[in-house]
Amino acid sequence: MRANRDLPKIVTKYLDVIIGPVLLGAIDYFRFPERRDPWGGAFNGQYKRRELFLSLILACRPAAIIETGTHVGASTEFMAEVSKLPVYSVEADARCIGFAKMRLRKRRNVQLFLGDSRAFLRNFTAGDGAKYLGRPLLFYLDAHWRKDLPLSEELEIIFSSFLQAIVMIDDFHVPHDSGYGYDDYGAGKTLNREYIAPQVKRFQIVEFYPITPSSAESGGRRGCVLLARDPGIIDALSPVPLLRKWPT
């Protein structure tokens, strides 16, 4: 009986070795259509978060969008479709990137990368990022679902290289609303104000949180935070009605 239960795992492992995880992920796109929209679609199925994203595009006019943590590409597809901007997205899981590549195969404004988000951001800074220097860029950080938490280093790379960066962090604790979910990976690895405090202090970053009550949000109801250091970007974000500027 145990051999029968283990058979699917054995077959999956065999296919992973023979055809590779990226191609296997592409096949998954057709085999498991229910996986295309986990948590209700883009941004955890949160309609007010989608509205907030559109407000950011209108208020800050970024030249491109950079995402860490593609997963299956639900948020990637939404951002690419509604903004029409160049989207650069990195994912560490090869099978997920195969799924996302199949999903986004017709999106000419999307470039997908396989690898560690920190290495990707460093390469982006030295490569494609150079053509956006002096222009606003929107970074959507969502690569924090494993024990190795890259977020602090991601922030250091971004704010060291791009003065006009606008950073949205998913799965973040919202101080004034306990109804929003957030990631907690143990001591020193909780996505909250304490975790980002060193980078906030170093780069003199201003924080913005969603003003929408969690009870009025849909989908996964995950929290987020917006970060900026450039005075012009801060001025552009301050009047956005869906954001609350954190007191400094």
C-alpha atoms as a PDB file:
ATOM      1  CA  MET A   1       0.000   0.000   0.000  1.00  0.00           C
ATOM      2  CA  ARG A   2       2.826   2.380   0.854  1.00  0.00           C
ATOM      3  CA  ALA A   3       4.397   1.782  -2.570  1.00  0.00           C
ATOM      4  CA  ASN A   4       1.159   2.912  -4.212  1.00  0.00           C
ATOM      5  CA  ARG A   5       1.070   6.077  -2.105  1.00  0.00           C
ATOM      6  CA  ASP A   6       4.669   6.909  -2.992  1.00  0.00           C
ATOM      7  CA  LEU A   7       4.175   6.314  -6.733  1.00  0.00           C
ATOM      8  CA  PRO A   8       3.118   9.904  -7.603  1.00  0.00           C
ATOM      9  CA  LYS A   9       6.199  11.267  -5.809  1.00  0.00           C
ATOM     10  CA  ILE A  10       8.455   8.809  -7.619  1.00  0.00           C
ATOM     11  CA  VAL A  11       6.942   9.701 -11.012  1.00  0.00           C
ATOM     12  CA  THR A  12       7.263  13.442 -10.298  1.00  0.00           C
ATOM     13  CA  LYS A  13      10.897  13.040  -9.265  1.00  0.00           C
ATOM     14  CA  TYR A  14      11.590  10.995 -12.408  1.00  0.00           C
ATOM     15  CA  LEU A  15       9.986  13.602 -14.676  1.00  0.00           C
ATOM     16  CA  ASP A  16      11.843  16.367 -12.866  1.00  0.00           C
ATOM     17  CA  VAL A  17      15.148  14.693 -13.707  1.00  0.00           C
ATOM     18  CA  ILE A  18      14.296  13.684 -17.263  1.00  0.00           C
ATOM     19  CA  ILE A  19      12.571  16.798 -18.635  1.00  0.00           C
ATOM     20  CA  GLY A  20      13.611  19.372 -16.069  1.00  0.00           C
ATOM     21  CA  PRO A  21      11.589  21.501 -13.630  1.00  0.00           C
ATOM     22  CA  VAL A  22      11.084  24.447 -16.010  1.00  0.00           C
ATOM     23  CA  LEU A  23       9.423  22.333 -18.706  1.00  0.00           C
ATOM     24  CA  LEU A  24       7.516  20.447 -16.037  1.00  0.00           C
ATOM     25  CA  GLY A  25       6.187  23.783 -14.752  1.00  0.00           C
ATOM     26  CA  ALA A  26       5.064  24.695 -18.266  1.00  0.00           C
ATOM     27  CA  ILE A  27       3.165  21.399 -18.466  1.00  0.00           C
ATOM     28  CA  ASP A  28       1.633  22.135 -15.056  1.00  0.00           C
ATOM     29  CA  TYR A  29       0.058  25.252 -16.536  1.00  0.00           C
ATOM     30  CA  PHE A  30      -2.185  23.038 -18.663  1.00  0.00           C
ATOM     31  CA  ARG A  31      -2.514  20.115 -16.249  1.00  0.00           C
ATOM     32  CA  PHE A  32      -3.562  22.186 -13.265  1.00  0.00           C
ATOM     33  CA  PRO A  33      -5.535  25.239 -14.437  1.00  0.00           C
ATOM     34  CA  GLU A  34      -6.796  25.740 -10.874  1.00  0.00           C
ATOM     35  CA  ARG A  35      -3.263  26.813  -9.903  1.00  0.00           C
ATOM     36  CA  ARG A  36      -3.320  29.820 -12.220  1.00  0.00           C
ATOM     37  CA  ASP A  37      -5.090  32.068  -9.744  1.00  0.00           C
ATOM     38  CA  PRO A  38      -4.119  31.073  -6.209  1.00  0.00           C
ATOM     39  CA  TRP A  39      -5.758  33.133  -3.468  1.00  0.00           C
ATOM     40  CA  GLY A  40      -8.179  34.623  -5.987  1.00  0.00           C
ATOM     41  CA  GLY A  41      -5.744  36.084  -8.522  1.00  0.00           C
ATOM     42  CA  ALA A  42      -3.418  39.075  -8.533  1.00  0.00           C
ATOM     43  CA  PHE A  43      -2.286  40.540  -5.202  1.00  0.00           C
ATOM     44  CA  ASN A  44      -3.820  37.688  -3.182  1.00  0.00           C
ATOM     45  CA  GLY A  45      -7.223  38.399  -4.712  1.00  0.00           C
ATOM     46  CA  GLN A  46      -7.332  41.809  -3.012  1.00  0.00           C
ATOM     47  CA  TYR A  47      -9.359  44.324  -5.013  1.00  0.00           C
ATOM     48  CA  LYS A  48      -8.363  47.356  -2.958  1.00  0.00           C
ATOM     49  CA  ARG A  49      -4.684  46.397  -3.359  1.00  0.00           C
ATOM     50  CA  ARG A  50      -5.205  46.345  -7.122  1.00  0.00           C
ATOM     51  CA  GLU A  51      -6.795  49.772  -6.878  1.00  0.00           C
ATOM     52  CA  LEU A  52      -3.835  50.942  -4.809  1.00  0.00           C
ATOM     53  CA  PHE A  53      -1.423  49.654  -7.461  1.00  0.00           C
ATOM     54  CA  LEU A  54      -3.242  51.640 -10.149  1.00  0.00           C
ATOM     55  CA  SER A  55      -3.083  54.740  -7.921  1.00  0.00           C
ATOM     56  CA  LEU A  56       0.690  54.314  -7.619  1.00  0.00           C
ATOM     57  CA  ILE A  57       1.094  54.124 -11.382  1.00  0.00           C
ATOM     58  CA  LEU A  58      -0.916  57.308 -11.859  1.00  0.00           C
ATOM     59  CA  ALA A  59       0.711  59.214  -9.005  1.00  0.00           C
ATOM     60  CA  CYS A  60       4.373  58.293  -9.563  1.00  0.00           C
ATOM     61  CA  ARG A  61       4.551  57.441 -13.284  1.00  0.00           C
ATOM     62  CA  PRO A  62       7.246  54.756 -12.945  1.00  0.00           C
ATOM     63  CA  ALA A  63       9.306  53.863 -15.987  1.00  0.00           C
ATOM     64  CA  ALA A  64       9.273  50.133 -15.216  1.00  0.00           C
ATOM     65  CA  ILE A  65       8.180  47.558 -12.663  1.00  0.00           C
ATOM     66  CA  ILE A  66      10.541  45.112 -10.953  1.00  0.00           C
ATOM     67  CA  GLU A  67       9.077  42.146  -9.090  1.00  0.00           C
ATOM     68  CA  THR A  68      10.816  39.659  -6.825  1.00  0.00           C
ATOM     69  CA  GLY A  69       8.873  36.445  -6.338  1.00  0.00           C
ATOM     70  CA  THR A  70       7.010  35.697  -9.580  1.00  0.00           C
ATOM     71  CA  HIS A  71       5.405  32.496  -8.229  1.00  0.00           C
ATOM     72  CA  VAL A  72       2.852  31.516 -10.934  1.00  0.00           C
ATOM     73  CA  GLY A  73       2.693  34.998 -12.450  1.00  0.00           C
ATOM     74  CA  ALA A  74      -0.791  36.119 -11.352  1.00  0.00           C
ATOM     75  CA  SER A  75       0.326  39.515 -10.045  1.00  0.00           C
ATOM     76  CA  THR A  76       2.942  39.776 -12.782  1.00  0.00           C
ATOM     77  CA  GLU A  77       0.282  39.412 -15.459  1.00  0.00           C
ATOM     78  CA  PHE A  78      -1.977  41.984 -13.819  1.00  0.00           C
ATOM     79  CA  MET A  79       0.805  44.551 -13.470  1.00  0.00           C
ATOM     80  CA  ALA A  80       1.921  44.057 -17.055  1.00  0.00           C
ATOM     81  CA  GLU A  81      -1.601  44.264 -18.453  1.00  0.00           C
ATOM     82  CA  VAL A  82      -2.870  47.353 -16.642  1.00  0.00           C
ATOM     83  CA  SER A  83       0.350  49.391 -16.652  1.00  0.00           C
ATOM     84  CA  LYS A  84       1.679  48.519 -20.132  1.00  0.00           C
ATOM     85  CA  LEU A  85       5.134  49.123 -18.636  1.00  0.00           C
ATOM     86  CA  PRO A  86       8.229  46.931 -18.909  1.00  0.00           C
ATOM     87  CA  VAL A  87       8.053  44.310 -16.144  1.00  0.00           C
ATOM     88  CA  TYR A  88      11.117  42.439 -14.868  1.00  0.00           C
ATOM     89  CA  SER A  89      10.332  39.524 -12.546  1.00  0.00           C
ATOM     90  CA  VAL A  90      12.537  36.957 -10.795  1.00  0.00           C
ATOM     91  CA  GLU A  91      11.604  33.620  -9.223  1.00  0.00           C
ATOM     92  CA  ALA A  92      13.859  31.164  -7.373  1.00  0.00           C
ATOM     93  CA  ASP A  93      11.709  28.085  -8.023  1.00  0.00           C
ATOM     94  CA  ALA A  94      12.366  26.614 -11.477  1.00  0.00           C
ATOM     95  CA  ARG A  95       9.025  24.843 -11.695  1.00  0.00           C
ATOM     96  CA  CYS A  96       7.166  28.055 -10.856  1.00  0.00           C
ATOM     97  CA  ILE A  97       9.118  29.993 -13.472  1.00  0.00           C
ATOM     98  CA  GLY A  98       8.150  27.366 -16.063  1.00  0.00           C
ATOM     99  CA  PHE A  99       4.487  27.820 -15.139  1.00  0.00           C
ATOM    100  CA  ALA A 100       4.785  31.617 -15.274  1.00  0.00           C
ATOM    101  CA  LYS A 101       6.616  31.542 -18.618  1.00  0.00           C
ATOM    102  CA  MET A 102       3.772  29.614 -20.181  1.00  0.00           C
ATOM    103  CA  ARG A 103       1.202  31.940 -18.630  1.00  0.00           C
ATOM    104  CA  LEU A 104       3.007  35.088 -19.781  1.00  0.00           C
ATOM    105  CA  ARG A 105       4.225  33.849 -23.150  1.00  0.00           C
ATOM    106  CA  LYS A 106       2.204  36.500 -25.025  1.00  0.00           C
ATOM    107  CA  ARG A 107       3.187  39.399 -22.748  1.00  0.00           C
ATOM    108  CA  ARG A 108       5.927  41.095 -24.730  1.00  0.00           C
ATOM    109  CA  ASN A 109       6.542  43.645 -21.984  1.00  0.00           C
ATOM    110  CA  VAL A 110       7.489  40.963 -19.417  1.00  0.00           C
ATOM    111  CA  GLN A 111      10.940  39.499 -18.848  1.00  0.00           C
ATOM    112  CA  LEU A 112      11.235  36.546 -16.463  1.00  0.00           C
ATOM    113  CA  PHE A 113      14.374  35.428 -14.677  1.00  0.00           C
ATOM    114  CA  LEU A 114      15.263  32.328 -12.673  1.00  0.00           C
ATOM    115  CA  GLY A 115      17.453  32.840  -9.618  1.00  0.00           C
ATOM    116  CA  ASP A 116      17.999  34.490  -6.274  1.00  0.00           C
ATOM    117  CA  SER A 117      16.325  37.881  -5.943  1.00  0.00           C
ATOM    118  CA  ARG A 118      19.427  39.572  -4.494  1.00  0.00           C
ATOM    119  CA  ALA A 119      21.665  38.433  -7.322  1.00  0.00           C
ATOM    120  CA  PHE A 120      18.984  39.462  -9.802  1.00  0.00           C
ATOM    121  CA  LEU A 121      18.704  42.978  -8.328  1.00  0.00           C
ATOM    122  CA  ARG A 122      22.483  43.432  -8.410  1.00  0.00           C
ATOM    123  CA  ASN A 123      22.576  42.320 -12.035  1.00  0.00           C
ATOM    124  CA  PHE A 124      19.616  44.546 -12.865  1.00  0.00           C
ATOM    125  CA  THR A 125      21.377  47.530 -11.293  1.00  0.00           C
ATOM    126  CA  ALA A 126      24.442  46.976 -13.450  1.00  0.00           C
ATOM    127  CA  GLY A 127      22.468  46.045 -16.578  1.00  0.00           C
ATOM    128  CA  ASP A 128      18.939  47.019 -17.596  1.00  0.00           C
ATOM    129  CA  GLY A 129      18.546  49.263 -14.569  1.00  0.00           C
ATOM    130  CA  ALA A 130      21.168  51.659 -15.896  1.00  0.00           C
ATOM    131  CA  LYS A 131      18.783  52.930 -18.567  1.00  0.00           C
ATOM    132  CA  TYR A 132      16.271  53.948 -15.893  1.00  0.00           C
ATOM    133  CA  LEU A 133      18.621  55.997 -13.730  1.00  0.00           C
ATOM    134  CA  GLY A 134      17.005  59.256 -12.720  1.00  0.00           C
ATOM    135  CA  ARG A 135      13.521  57.891 -13.346  1.00  0.00           C
ATOM    136  CA  PRO A 136      10.996  56.418 -10.889  1.00  0.00           C
ATOM    137  CA  LEU A 137      10.882  52.632 -10.651  1.00  0.00           C
ATOM    138  CA  LEU A 138       8.269  50.539  -8.866  1.00  0.00           C
ATOM    139  CA  PHE A 139       9.592  47.504  -6.985  1.00  0.00           C
ATOM    140  CA  TYR A 140       7.126  44.840  -5.817  1.00  0.00           C
ATOM    141  CA  LEU A 141       8.855  42.575  -3.275  1.00  0.00           C
ATOM    142  CA  ASP A 142       7.273  39.178  -2.696  1.00  0.00           C
ATOM    143  CA  ALA A 143      10.208  36.725  -2.593  1.00  0.00           C
ATOM    144  CA  HIS A 144       9.928  36.002   1.128  1.00  0.00           C
ATOM    145  CA  TRP A 145       8.288  32.607   1.450  1.00  0.00           C
ATOM    146  CA  ARG A 146      11.327  30.518   2.411  1.00  0.00           C
ATOM    147  CA  LYS A 147      13.583  30.295   5.465  1.00  0.00           C
ATOM    148  CA  ASP A 148      16.186  32.433   3.706  1.00  0.00           C
ATOM    149  CA  LEU A 149      14.621  35.887   4.000  1.00  0.00           C
ATOM    150  CA  PRO A 150      16.135  38.230   1.370  1.00  0.00           C
ATOM    151  CA  LEU A 151      14.041  41.326   2.098  1.00  0.00           C
ATOM    152  CA  SER A 152      16.547  43.412   4.062  1.00  0.00           C
ATOM    153  CA  GLU A 153      19.242  42.893   1.424  1.00  0.00           C
ATOM    154  CA  GLU A 154      16.753  43.633  -1.350  1.00  0.00           C
ATOM    155  CA  LEU A 155      15.983  47.000   0.261  1.00  0.00           C
ATOM    156  CA  GLU A 156      19.670  47.801   0.654  1.00  0.00           C
ATOM    157  CA  ILE A 157      20.378  47.085  -3.014  1.00  0.00           C
ATOM    158  CA  ILE A 158      17.354  49.036  -4.237  1.00  0.00           C
ATOM    159  CA  PHE A 159      17.750  52.183  -2.157  1.00  0.00           C
ATOM    160  CA  SER A 160      21.534  52.235  -2.644  1.00  0.00           C
ATOM    161  CA  SER A 161      21.053  52.263  -6.401  1.00  0.00           C
ATOM    162  CA  PHE A 162      17.739  53.977  -7.207  1.00  0.00           C
ATOM    163  CA  LEU A 163      16.935  57.228  -5.446  1.00  0.00           C
ATOM    164  CA  GLN A 164      13.441  57.412  -6.961  1.00  0.00           C
ATOM    165  CA  ALA A 165      12.463  53.851  -6.049  1.00  0.00           C
ATOM    166  CA  ILE A 166       8.911  53.148  -4.919  1.00  0.00           C
ATOM    167  CA  VAL A 167       8.850  49.865  -2.993  1.00  0.00           C
ATOM    168  CA  MET A 168       5.753  47.819  -2.173  1.00  0.00           C
ATOM    169  CA  ILE A 169       6.307  44.878   0.190  1.00  0.00           C
ATOM    170  CA  ASP A 170       3.655  42.174   0.292  1.00  0.00           C
ATOM    171  CA  ASP A 171       2.706  40.146   3.402  1.00  0.00           C
ATOM    172  CA  PHE A 172       3.721  43.005   5.714  1.00  0.00           C
ATOM    173  CA  HIS A 173       2.343  43.839   9.144  1.00  0.00           C
ATOM    174  CA  VAL A 174       0.021  46.858   9.158  1.00  0.00           C
ATOM    175  CA  PRO A 175       0.534  48.557  12.548  1.00  0.00           C
ATOM    176  CA  HIS A 176      -2.925  50.056  12.905  1.00  0.00           C
ATOM    177  CA  ASP A 177      -4.940  47.055  11.623  1.00  0.00           C
ATOM    178  CA  SER A 178      -4.452  43.579  13.077  1.00  0.00           C
ATOM    179  CA  GLY A 179      -6.875  42.118  10.547  1.00  0.00           C
ATOM    180  CA  TYR A 180      -4.223  42.130   7.827  1.00  0.00           C
ATOM    181  CA  GLY A 181      -2.106  38.996   7.587  1.00  0.00           C
ATOM    182  CA  TYR A 182       1.681  39.069   7.433  1.00  0.00           C
ATOM    183  CA  ASP A 183       4.664  36.698   7.324  1.00  0.00           C
ATOM    184  CA  ASP A 184       6.446  35.634  10.503  1.00  0.00           C
ATOM    185  CA  TYR A 185       9.451  33.321  10.163  1.00  0.00           C
ATOM    186  CA  GLY A 186      10.578  33.482  13.787  1.00  0.00           C
ATOM    187  CA  ALA A 187      12.854  35.712  15.841  1.00  0.00           C
ATOM    188  CA  GLY A 188      14.178  38.619  13.794  1.00  0.00           C
ATOM    189  CA  LYS A 189      12.324  37.466  10.692  1.00  0.00           C
ATOM    190  CA  THR A 190       8.881  38.976  11.106  1.00  0.00           C
ATOM    191  CA  LEU A 191       7.834  41.310   8.305  1.00  0.00           C
ATOM    192  CA  ASN A 192       7.126  44.385  10.400  1.00  0.00           C
ATOM    193  CA  ARG A 193       8.459  47.854  11.185  1.00  0.00           C
ATOM    194  CA  GLU A 194      11.141  46.474  13.480  1.00  0.00           C
ATOM    195  CA  TYR A 195      12.549  44.308  10.698  1.00  0.00           C
ATOM    196  CA  ILE A 196      12.961  47.187   8.222  1.00  0.00           C
ATOM    197  CA  ALA A 197      13.982  49.770  10.857  1.00  0.00           C
ATOM    198  CA  PRO A 198      17.746  49.628  10.058  1.00  0.00           C
ATOM    199  CA  GLN A 199      17.140  50.358   6.372  1.00  0.00           C
ATOM    200  CA  VAL A 200      14.515  53.009   7.166  1.00  0.00           C
ATOM    201  CA  LYS A 201      17.022  54.798   9.375  1.00  0.00           C
ATOM    202  CA  ARG A 202      19.968  54.383   7.009  1.00  0.00           C
ATOM    203  CA  PHE A 203      18.192  55.689   3.916  1.00  0.00           C
ATOM    204  CA  GLN A 204      15.739  58.019   5.682  1.00  0.00           C
ATOM    205  CA  ILE A 205      12.813  56.120   4.217  1.00  0.00           C
ATOM    206  CA  VAL A 206       9.211  57.194   4.652  1.00  0.00           C
ATOM    207  CA  GLU A 207       6.578  54.481   5.209  1.00  0.00           C
ATOM    208  CA  PHE A 208       3.017  54.393   3.868  1.00  0.00           C
ATOM    209  CA  TYR A 209       0.364  51.860   4.867  1.00  0.00           C
ATOM    210  CA  PRO A 210      -3.038  50.973   3.372  1.00  0.00           C
ATOM    211  CA  ILE A 211      -5.836  53.060   4.783  1.00  0.00           C
ATOM    212  CA  THR A 212      -8.505  50.572   3.696  1.00  0.00           C
ATOM    213  CA  PRO A 213      -9.719  48.591   6.745  1.00  0.00           C
ATOM    214  CA  SER A 214      -8.923  44.897   6.464  1.00  0.00           C
ATOM    215  CA  SER A 215     -12.639  44.213   6.901  1.00  0.00           C
ATOM    216  CA  ALA A 216     -13.278  46.086   3.634  1.00  0.00           C
ATOM    217  CA  GLU A 217     -10.606  44.186   1.689  1.00  0.00           C
ATOM    218  CA  SER A 218     -11.201  41.006  -0.315  1.00  0.00           C
ATOM    219  CA  GLY A 219      -9.181  37.852  -0.959  1.00  0.00           C
ATOM    220  CA  GLY A 220      -6.276  36.945   1.282  1.00  0.00           C
ATOM    221  CA  ARG A 221      -6.311  40.255   3.169  1.00  0.00           C
ATOM    222  CA  ARG A 222      -2.530  40.386   3.380  1.00  0.00           C
ATOM    223  CA  GLY A 223      -0.872  43.548   4.590  1.00  0.00           C
ATOM    224  CA  CYS A 224       1.603  45.696   2.709  1.00  0.00           C
ATOM    225  CA  VAL A 225       3.810  48.744   3.122  1.00  0.00           C
ATOM    226  CA  LEU A 226       4.996  51.369   0.638  1.00  0.00           C
ATOM    227  CA  LEU A 227       8.507  52.792   1.034  1.00  0.00           C
ATOM    228  CA  ALA A 228      10.144  55.829  -0.581  1.00  0.00           C
ATOM    229  CA  ARG A 229      13.061  58.163   0.117  1.00  0.00           C
ATOM    230  CA  ASP A 230      12.978  60.698  -2.717  1.00  0.00           C
ATOM    231  CA  PRO A 231      11.170  63.938  -1.714  1.00  0.00           C
ATOM    232  CA  GLY A 232       9.370  64.110  -5.057  1.00  0.00           C
ATOM    233  CA  ILE A 233       8.099  60.546  -4.763  1.00  0.00           C
ATOM    234  CA  ILE A 234       7.052  61.118  -1.157  1.00  0.00           C
ATOM    235  CA  ASP A 235       5.109  64.219  -2.232  1.00  0.00           C
ATOM    236  CA  ALA A 236       3.422  62.192  -4.980  1.00  0.00           C
ATOM    237  CA  LEU A 237       2.408  59.398  -2.594  1.00  0.00           C
ATOM    238  CA  SER A 238       1.215  61.584   0.275  1.00  0.00           C
ATOM    239  CA  PRO A 239      -2.132  62.639  -1.312  1.00  0.00           C
ATOM    240  CA  VAL A 240      -3.011  59.115  -2.540  1.00  0.00           C
ATOM    241  CA  PRO A 241      -6.326  58.470  -0.736  1.00  0.00           C
ATOM    242  CA  LEU A 242      -5.668  54.750  -0.238  1.00  0.00           C
ATOM    243  CA  LEU A 243      -2.455  55.381   1.727  1.00  0.00           C
ATOM    244  CA  ARG A 244      -1.665  56.549   5.238  1.00  0.00           C
ATOM    245  CA  LYS A 245       1.729  58.169   5.777  1.00  0.00           C
ATOM    246  CA  TRP A 246       3.384  56.852   8.908  1.00  0.00           C
ATOM    247  CA  PRO A 247       4.453  59.617  11.307  1.00  0.00           C
ATOM    248  CA  THR A 248       8.192  60.336  11.255  1.00  0.00           C
END
